[in-house]
Amino acid sequence: MARSGDEEDEAPAGGPDTPPRGALRGWIDRQTGGRRSGFARLLSSPWFLRIVLPIGALFLAFKLLVLFCFSYVGPNEFGIKVVRVPVLGGERGVHDEVYGPGFHLVLKVFGLEEMYLFPRDTQVLDLTGAREEAAREAHVGKPAHIQTSDGFFVDVDASVLYRIENPYLVFTRLGPERLFETSGIVPKAEPILKQALGQLTTEEFYNSVLRWQKTELARSLLSQELSGYGLAVDEVVVRYFRYTQEIQKNIEEKKLKDQLVFTNQAQGRAATEEAKLKKVVQEGKASVEVKLQEGRAYVTTRDAERDQYARTKRAEADLLIQLAEARRTQLRNDALQGAGSDRMVGLKMAEVYRGLELLVLPSDGAGGVNPLDLERSLELFEVHGRGSP
């Protein structure tokens, strides 16, 4: 015999101890007045009861397990484990093992075990007295009230940058949570600042080099003092210092007078240096002018030597030319006066007749000229015969 849908829902899903799946549906029907919505049908569906509900139960059980049995240590944190009841073995008390980032097994149920966290990054103690002037994560305290070596008081705004170096020492000697601030760095910072900066006079606070040296001394003393508590001091920075109004006014007036004296001294040194500069410039100009005159004299001397050399060589050349001309004339005269010279004269005179078309000369008598009589022509031109002396 076939069963209806409601009868199938009321059928048992397991053995005799398993509650019927229809009980959940009946409760849903009573709450909704018999009108089953889509969400109600989703909750009463077989796949939800068989798949989703067990997965949800396992996830919830996992979350509870993580919540009560594991502790998470962040990337910028240390972890120190305290065992009150050694359920899993081990020793009771504070473990000296430092836990790094990640999940660690800690039975937090009934306070059996507990993980205490400490910051790993740099911590700041600001002695400023004003929250708005300090860093956001810093512990803010009052400014350090320091008495100078000459008896005056000054309020110093300072910052101390430190970090936890040994969390086990911090926990065992100072305590958990932020006790490393209230019981560690805060009570030690101001007395050591007074010890170091109190060695300065009122005016020496304005000397940045001396102030830095005493600040480094404070950092060294504070680091030595806190090393036994697992803390390390990286920097001590003095940001500002304030005197009382009367002292501040006197200091400012004195500083103004000192600055006026320094200004006058600087102006005097500047005038002296300027005079030295002018003297050097003038000496340089005179030296340049001397060198220029020496250069001009050198050029003039070289030009004169060049002209003299040219004139000397030109005169020597002219002399050689004149001597050659005289020698040529002498050689020509000697040639004309030597043997055969009379014939050359006759030949020259004979050239006179060349080109004459008509020449009328007497041909008879003692002065007659017969151009055909060569002997007579030679005698006429005083040309001696061949072999004559």
Protein backbone atom coordinates (compact mmCIF):
# COMPACT_ATOMS: atom_id res chain seq x y z
CA MET A 1 0.00 0.00 0.00
CA ALA A 2 1.41 3.35 -0.98
CA ARG A 3 2.16 6.00 1.65
CA SER A 4 1.38 9.63 1.37
CA GLY A 5 4.12 12.31 1.50
CA ASP A 6 3.29 13.22 5.14
CA GLU A 7 3.40 9.59 6.22
CA GLU A 8 6.82 9.21 4.58
CA ASP A 9 8.06 12.28 6.44
CA GLU A 10 6.90 10.83 9.74
CA ALA A 11 8.69 7.51 9.10
CA PRO A 12 11.78 6.95 11.29
CA ALA A 13 15.14 7.73 9.63
CA GLY A 14 17.23 5.32 11.69
CA GLY A 15 16.95 2.85 14.47
CA PRO A 16 14.58 2.95 17.39
CA ASP A 17 16.67 5.56 19.28
CA THR A 18 16.77 8.02 16.34
CA PRO A 19 14.07 10.73 16.56
CA PRO A 20 11.82 10.84 13.55
CA ARG A 21 12.59 13.47 10.95
CA GLY A 22 8.91 14.41 11.02
CA ALA A 23 9.32 15.87 14.52
CA LEU A 24 11.32 18.82 13.15
CA ARG A 25 8.77 19.31 10.42
CA GLY A 26 5.91 19.15 12.94
CA TRP A 27 7.58 21.81 15.05
CA ILE A 28 8.07 23.98 11.99
CA ASP A 29 4.41 23.50 11.04
CA ARG A 30 3.25 24.50 14.50
CA GLN A 31 5.40 27.65 14.41
CA THR A 32 4.18 28.64 10.97
CA GLY A 33 0.53 27.73 11.58
CA GLY A 34 0.60 24.93 9.04
CA ARG A 35 1.77 27.27 6.27
CA ARG A 36 5.26 26.13 5.25
CA SER A 37 7.38 28.86 3.69
CA GLY A 38 10.29 28.32 1.32
CA PHE A 39 12.80 28.74 4.15
CA ALA A 40 10.89 26.22 6.29
CA ARG A 41 10.82 23.74 3.46
CA LEU A 42 14.59 24.33 3.02
CA LEU A 43 15.22 23.54 6.71
CA SER A 44 13.10 20.41 6.55
CA SER A 45 14.54 19.13 3.30
CA PRO A 46 16.51 15.85 3.44
CA TRP A 47 19.71 17.26 1.89
CA PHE A 48 19.81 20.03 4.51
CA LEU A 49 19.37 17.56 7.35
CA ARG A 50 21.87 15.08 5.92
CA ILE A 51 24.59 17.42 4.52
CA VAL A 52 24.35 21.06 5.58
CA LEU A 53 23.41 20.49 9.20
CA PRO A 54 26.28 18.02 9.94
CA ILE A 55 28.81 20.31 8.19
CA GLY A 56 27.56 23.27 10.23
CA ALA A 57 27.82 21.24 13.42
CA LEU A 58 31.40 20.21 12.55
CA PHE A 59 32.35 23.83 11.76
CA LEU A 60 30.87 25.02 15.05
CA ALA A 61 32.72 22.28 16.91
CA PHE A 62 35.97 23.31 15.14
CA LYS A 63 35.46 26.95 16.08
CA LEU A 64 34.84 26.00 19.69
CA LEU A 65 37.93 23.80 19.65
CA VAL A 66 40.05 26.66 18.28
CA LEU A 67 38.49 29.10 20.72
CA PHE A 68 39.15 27.01 23.82
CA CYS A 69 42.27 25.04 22.81
CA PHE A 70 44.37 27.35 20.58
CA SER A 71 45.81 30.82 20.90
CA TYR A 72 46.93 33.02 18.02
CA VAL A 73 50.14 35.06 18.20
CA GLY A 74 50.24 37.92 15.70
CA PRO A 75 53.17 38.82 13.38
CA ASN A 76 54.28 41.68 15.64
CA GLU A 77 53.85 39.83 18.94
CA PHE A 78 55.63 37.49 21.34
CA GLY A 79 53.86 34.76 23.28
CA ILE A 80 54.62 33.51 26.82
CA LYS A 81 52.74 30.41 27.98
CA VAL A 82 51.63 29.89 31.58
CA VAL A 83 50.56 26.38 32.66
CA ARG A 84 48.43 26.24 35.80
CA VAL A 85 47.39 22.57 35.53
CA PRO A 86 49.74 20.36 33.45
CA VAL A 87 47.08 18.24 31.73
CA LEU A 88 49.26 17.38 28.73
CA GLY A 89 52.41 16.92 30.76
CA GLY A 90 55.24 19.36 31.20
CA GLU A 91 56.00 21.66 34.09
CA ARG A 92 53.69 23.93 35.92
CA GLY A 93 54.32 27.67 35.85
CA VAL A 94 55.76 30.13 33.32
CA HIS A 95 57.52 28.47 30.37
CA ASP A 96 60.69 30.16 29.22
CA GLU A 97 59.95 29.30 25.58
CA VAL A 98 59.06 32.36 23.50
CA TYR A 99 56.28 31.62 21.01
CA GLY A 100 56.39 33.25 17.60
CA PRO A 101 53.58 34.17 15.20
CA GLY A 102 50.94 31.51 14.48
CA PHE A 103 48.50 29.21 16.28
CA HIS A 104 49.68 27.36 19.39
CA LEU A 105 47.97 24.68 21.52
CA VAL A 106 46.77 26.27 24.75
CA LEU A 107 44.07 24.61 26.91
CA LYS A 108 42.15 27.67 27.93
CA VAL A 109 39.20 25.70 29.30
CA PHE A 110 38.76 26.35 33.05
CA GLY A 111 41.96 28.41 32.98
CA LEU A 112 44.24 25.36 32.70
CA GLU A 113 46.69 27.23 30.46
CA GLU A 114 46.99 30.77 29.15
CA MET A 115 49.05 32.59 26.49
CA TYR A 116 50.19 36.14 27.34
CA LEU A 117 51.07 38.40 24.42
CA PHE A 118 53.70 41.14 24.27
CA PRO A 119 54.41 43.58 21.40
CA ARG A 120 57.40 42.84 19.19
CA ASP A 121 57.64 46.26 17.50
CA THR A 122 59.12 49.51 18.86
CA GLN A 123 57.30 51.15 21.77
CA VAL A 124 57.22 54.89 22.51
CA LEU A 125 57.10 56.75 25.79
CA ASP A 126 56.27 60.43 25.19
CA LEU A 127 56.94 62.79 28.08
CA THR A 128 54.93 65.68 26.67
CA GLY A 129 51.85 66.06 28.86
CA ALA A 130 49.58 66.44 25.81
CA ARG A 131 47.98 63.58 23.93
CA GLU A 132 47.74 65.58 20.68
CA GLU A 133 51.51 66.14 20.65
CA ALA A 134 52.37 62.49 21.16
CA ALA A 135 52.41 59.51 18.84
CA ARG A 136 49.15 57.62 18.46
CA GLU A 137 50.42 54.38 20.05
CA ALA A 138 52.65 56.07 22.64
CA HIS A 139 52.29 56.04 26.39
CA VAL A 140 51.99 59.72 27.38
CA GLY A 141 53.51 61.11 30.57
CA LYS A 142 54.28 64.51 32.02
CA PRO A 143 57.32 66.47 30.80
CA ALA A 144 60.51 65.78 32.73
CA HIS A 145 61.05 68.51 35.36
CA ILE A 146 64.84 68.88 35.45
CA GLN A 147 67.02 71.13 37.59
CA THR A 148 70.07 72.42 35.74
CA SER A 149 73.55 72.50 37.23
CA ASP A 150 73.23 76.26 37.92
CA GLY A 151 70.02 75.82 39.92
CA PHE A 152 67.23 76.64 37.45
CA PHE A 153 64.37 74.36 36.45
CA VAL A 154 63.40 73.36 32.93
CA ASP A 155 60.57 71.20 31.57
CA VAL A 156 61.85 68.85 28.89
CA ASP A 157 59.64 67.19 26.26
CA ALA A 158 61.33 63.90 25.44
CA SER A 159 60.51 60.64 23.70
CA VAL A 160 61.97 57.25 24.61
CA LEU A 161 61.96 54.58 21.90
CA TYR A 162 62.38 51.08 23.31
CA ARG A 163 61.47 47.48 22.60
CA ILE A 164 61.02 44.16 24.36
CA GLU A 165 64.16 42.09 23.94
CA ASN A 166 63.39 39.19 26.31
CA PRO A 167 59.65 38.60 26.90
CA TYR A 168 60.33 35.94 29.55
CA LEU A 169 62.24 38.42 31.73
CA VAL A 170 59.56 41.04 31.15
CA PHE A 171 56.84 38.64 32.30
CA THR A 172 58.67 37.20 35.30
CA ARG A 173 60.12 40.50 36.59
CA LEU A 174 57.52 43.07 35.60
CA GLY A 175 54.33 41.14 34.90
CA PRO A 176 51.87 40.55 32.04
CA GLU A 177 49.96 42.96 29.78
CA ARG A 178 51.32 46.55 29.79
CA LEU A 179 53.08 46.36 33.15
CA PHE A 180 56.39 46.73 31.31
CA GLU A 181 55.32 50.36 30.80
CA THR A 182 53.86 51.26 34.19
CA SER A 183 56.34 49.22 36.24
CA GLY A 184 59.36 49.28 33.90
CA ILE A 185 60.06 52.22 31.60
CA VAL A 186 57.91 54.94 33.20
CA PRO A 187 59.45 54.91 36.74
CA LYS A 188 63.00 54.81 35.32
CA ALA A 189 62.84 57.34 32.49
CA GLU A 190 62.46 60.66 34.30
CA PRO A 191 65.08 60.05 37.05
CA ILE A 192 67.70 59.09 34.49
CA LEU A 193 66.84 62.11 32.32
CA LYS A 194 67.29 64.29 35.41
CA GLN A 195 70.62 62.60 36.15
CA ALA A 196 72.01 63.08 32.63
CA LEU A 197 70.49 66.39 31.47
CA GLY A 198 70.89 67.93 34.93
CA GLN A 199 74.62 68.18 34.23
CA LEU A 200 73.93 70.98 31.75
CA THR A 201 73.67 74.65 32.64
CA THR A 202 70.77 76.83 31.61
CA GLU A 203 72.58 78.15 28.54
CA GLU A 204 74.09 74.80 27.60
CA PHE A 205 70.61 73.49 26.85
CA TYR A 206 70.77 75.67 23.72
CA ASN A 207 74.00 73.95 22.66
CA SER A 208 72.74 71.14 20.43
CA VAL A 209 76.04 69.21 20.55
CA LEU A 210 76.21 69.15 24.36
CA ARG A 211 72.50 68.39 24.61
CA TRP A 212 72.88 65.45 22.21
CA GLN A 213 75.83 64.11 24.22
CA LYS A 214 73.83 64.16 27.45
CA THR A 215 70.87 62.61 25.66
CA GLU A 216 73.11 59.74 24.54
CA LEU A 217 74.31 59.39 28.12
CA ALA A 218 70.67 59.14 29.27
CA ARG A 219 69.98 56.47 26.63
CA SER A 220 73.01 54.43 27.73
CA LEU A 221 72.10 54.66 31.44
CA LEU A 222 68.46 53.82 30.79
CA SER A 223 69.38 50.85 28.58
CA GLN A 224 71.72 49.50 31.28
CA GLU A 225 69.03 49.96 33.93
CA LEU A 226 66.32 48.14 31.94
CA SER A 227 68.44 45.36 30.42
CA GLY A 228 67.80 43.23 33.50
CA TYR A 229 64.06 43.49 32.85
CA GLY A 230 64.28 42.33 29.22
CA LEU A 231 63.90 45.83 27.71
CA ALA A 232 66.28 47.59 25.28
CA VAL A 233 66.30 51.36 24.70
CA ASP A 234 67.00 52.39 21.10
CA GLU A 235 66.71 56.19 21.22
CA VAL A 236 66.11 59.07 23.61
CA VAL A 237 65.04 62.21 21.77
CA VAL A 238 64.72 65.67 23.33
CA ARG A 239 62.16 67.55 21.29
CA TYR A 240 61.65 70.78 23.23
CA PHE A 241 62.48 72.37 26.58
CA ARG A 242 60.73 75.19 28.44
CA TYR A 243 61.95 77.46 31.21
CA THR A 244 59.81 79.70 33.41
CA GLN A 245 58.67 82.95 31.79
CA GLU A 246 61.17 85.11 33.69
CA ILE A 247 64.12 82.83 33.02
CA GLN A 248 63.09 82.43 29.40
CA LYS A 249 62.92 86.22 29.01
CA ASN A 250 66.35 86.72 30.58
CA ILE A 251 67.86 83.99 28.43
CA GLU A 252 66.32 85.44 25.28
CA GLU A 253 67.60 88.93 26.12
CA LYS A 254 71.08 87.57 26.78
CA LYS A 255 70.97 85.53 23.61
CA LEU A 256 69.94 88.62 21.65
CA LYS A 257 72.87 90.56 23.11
CA ASP A 258 75.23 87.71 22.36
CA GLN A 259 73.87 87.50 18.86
CA LEU A 260 74.37 91.25 18.43
CA VAL A 261 77.99 90.90 19.57
CA PHE A 262 78.47 87.94 17.26
CA THR A 263 76.88 89.93 14.44
CA ASN A 264 79.23 92.87 14.97
CA GLN A 265 82.20 90.54 15.15
CA ALA A 266 81.05 88.80 11.99
CA GLN A 267 80.59 92.13 10.22
CA GLY A 268 84.09 93.21 11.31
CA ARG A 269 85.56 89.96 10.06
CA ALA A 270 83.58 90.38 6.86
CA ALA A 271 84.97 93.91 6.37
CA THR A 272 88.52 92.65 7.00
CA GLU A 273 88.06 89.81 4.57
CA GLU A 274 86.56 92.20 2.02
CA ALA A 275 89.61 94.49 2.32
CA LYS A 276 91.86 91.48 1.89
CA LEU A 277 89.85 90.50 -1.13
CA LYS A 278 90.14 93.97 -2.68
CA LYS A 279 93.88 93.95 -2.02
CA VAL A 280 94.24 90.55 -3.64
CA VAL A 281 92.16 91.72 -6.63
CA GLN A 282 94.26 94.86 -7.05
CA GLU A 283 97.49 92.90 -6.74
CA GLY A 284 96.15 90.47 -9.29
CA LYS A 285 95.25 93.27 -11.69
CA ALA A 286 98.70 94.87 -11.23
CA SER A 287 100.37 91.52 -11.80
CA VAL A 288 98.31 91.00 -14.93
CA GLU A 289 99.19 94.47 -16.19
CA VAL A 290 102.90 93.84 -15.55
CA LYS A 291 102.71 90.58 -17.42
CA LEU A 292 100.90 92.31 -20.29
CA GLN A 293 103.60 95.01 -20.47
CA GLU A 294 106.27 92.35 -20.41
CA GLY A 295 104.46 90.60 -23.23
CA ARG A 296 104.17 93.79 -25.26
CA ALA A 297 107.90 94.56 -24.70
CA TYR A 298 108.78 91.05 -25.73
CA VAL A 299 106.68 91.40 -28.89
CA THR A 300 108.29 94.77 -29.71
CA THR A 301 111.79 93.34 -29.18
CA ARG A 302 111.03 90.37 -31.35
CA ASP A 303 109.55 92.64 -34.06
CA ALA A 304 112.69 94.85 -34.00
CA GLU A 305 114.94 91.81 -34.16
CA ARG A 306 112.88 90.50 -37.03
CA ASP A 307 113.08 93.82 -38.92
CA GLN A 308 116.82 94.11 -38.24
CA TYR A 309 117.38 90.59 -39.43
CA ALA A 310 115.32 91.23 -42.56
CA ARG A 311 117.20 94.48 -43.29
CA THR A 312 120.56 92.79 -42.69
CA LYS A 313 119.73 89.93 -44.99
CA ARG A 314 118.29 92.30 -47.59
CA ALA A 315 121.47 94.46 -47.46
CA GLU A 316 123.62 91.36 -47.75
CA ALA A 317 121.57 90.27 -50.73
CA ASP A 318 121.82 93.70 -52.35
CA LEU A 319 125.57 93.67 -51.73
CA LEU A 320 125.89 90.27 -53.34
CA ILE A 321 123.80 91.45 -56.30
CA GLN A 322 125.93 94.62 -56.69
CA LEU A 323 129.15 92.64 -56.40
CA ALA A 324 127.85 90.23 -59.03
CA GLU A 325 126.92 93.13 -61.32
CA ALA A 326 130.37 94.70 -60.83
CA ARG A 327 131.97 91.36 -61.42
CA ARG A 328 129.96 90.94 -64.58
CA THR A 329 130.92 94.40 -65.78
CA GLN A 330 134.55 93.70 -64.94
CA LEU A 331 134.45 90.40 -66.74
CA ARG A 332 132.84 92.06 -69.76
CA ASN A 333 135.46 94.82 -69.81
CA ASP A 334 138.19 92.28 -69.44
CA ALA A 335 136.67 90.32 -72.30
CA LEU A 336 136.45 93.40 -74.44
CA GLN A 337 140.08 94.24 -73.77
CA GLY A 338 141.43 90.75 -74.39
CA ALA A 339 142.38 88.87 -77.57
CA GLY A 340 139.74 89.04 -80.31
CA SER A 341 138.04 92.02 -78.74
CA ASP A 342 138.84 94.21 -81.74
CA ARG A 343 137.09 91.75 -84.00
CA MET A 344 134.04 91.70 -81.82
CA VAL A 345 133.97 95.51 -82.05
CA GLY A 346 134.28 95.23 -85.78
CA LEU A 347 131.37 92.76 -85.85
CA LYS A 348 129.32 95.13 -83.77
CA MET A 349 130.11 97.96 -86.11
CA ALA A 350 129.35 95.73 -89.02
CA GLU A 351 125.91 95.26 -87.60
CA VAL A 352 125.41 98.94 -88.05
CA TYR A 353 125.42 98.41 -91.76
CA ARG A 354 122.72 95.77 -91.47
CA GLY A 355 119.46 97.10 -92.55
CA LEU A 356 120.83 100.18 -94.31
CA GLU A 357 119.37 100.49 -97.79
CA LEU A 358 121.42 103.53 -98.90
CA LEU A 359 124.62 104.83 -97.46
CA VAL A 360 126.61 107.57 -99.29
CA LEU A 361 130.25 107.56 -98.32
CA PRO A 362 133.30 108.91 -100.07
CA SER A 363 135.14 106.12 -101.78
CA ASP A 364 138.35 107.86 -102.72
CA GLY A 365 140.92 109.83 -100.87
CA ALA A 366 142.37 109.28 -97.43
CA GLY A 367 138.95 109.19 -95.75
CA GLY A 368 137.27 107.20 -98.42
CA VAL A 369 135.37 104.10 -97.48
CA ASN A 370 135.06 101.09 -99.60
CA PRO A 371 132.72 98.62 -97.96
CA LEU A 372 134.19 95.90 -100.11
CA ASP A 373 137.65 96.53 -98.74
CA LEU A 374 137.56 94.68 -95.44
CA GLU A 375 141.11 95.50 -94.49
CA ARG A 376 140.34 99.15 -94.87
CA SER A 377 137.18 98.86 -92.86
CA LEU A 378 139.05 97.19 -89.99
CA GLU A 379 141.63 99.89 -89.96
CA LEU A 380 138.85 102.49 -90.02
CA PHE A 381 137.25 101.02 -86.92
CA GLU A 382 140.66 100.56 -85.30
CA VAL A 383 140.41 96.83 -85.41
CA HIS A 384 143.83 95.21 -85.57
CA GLY A 385 144.49 92.43 -87.94
CA ARG A 386 144.80 88.78 -86.98
CA GLY A 387 147.94 88.19 -85.03
CA SER A 388 148.47 91.92 -84.23
CA PRO A 389 149.39 92.81 -80.68
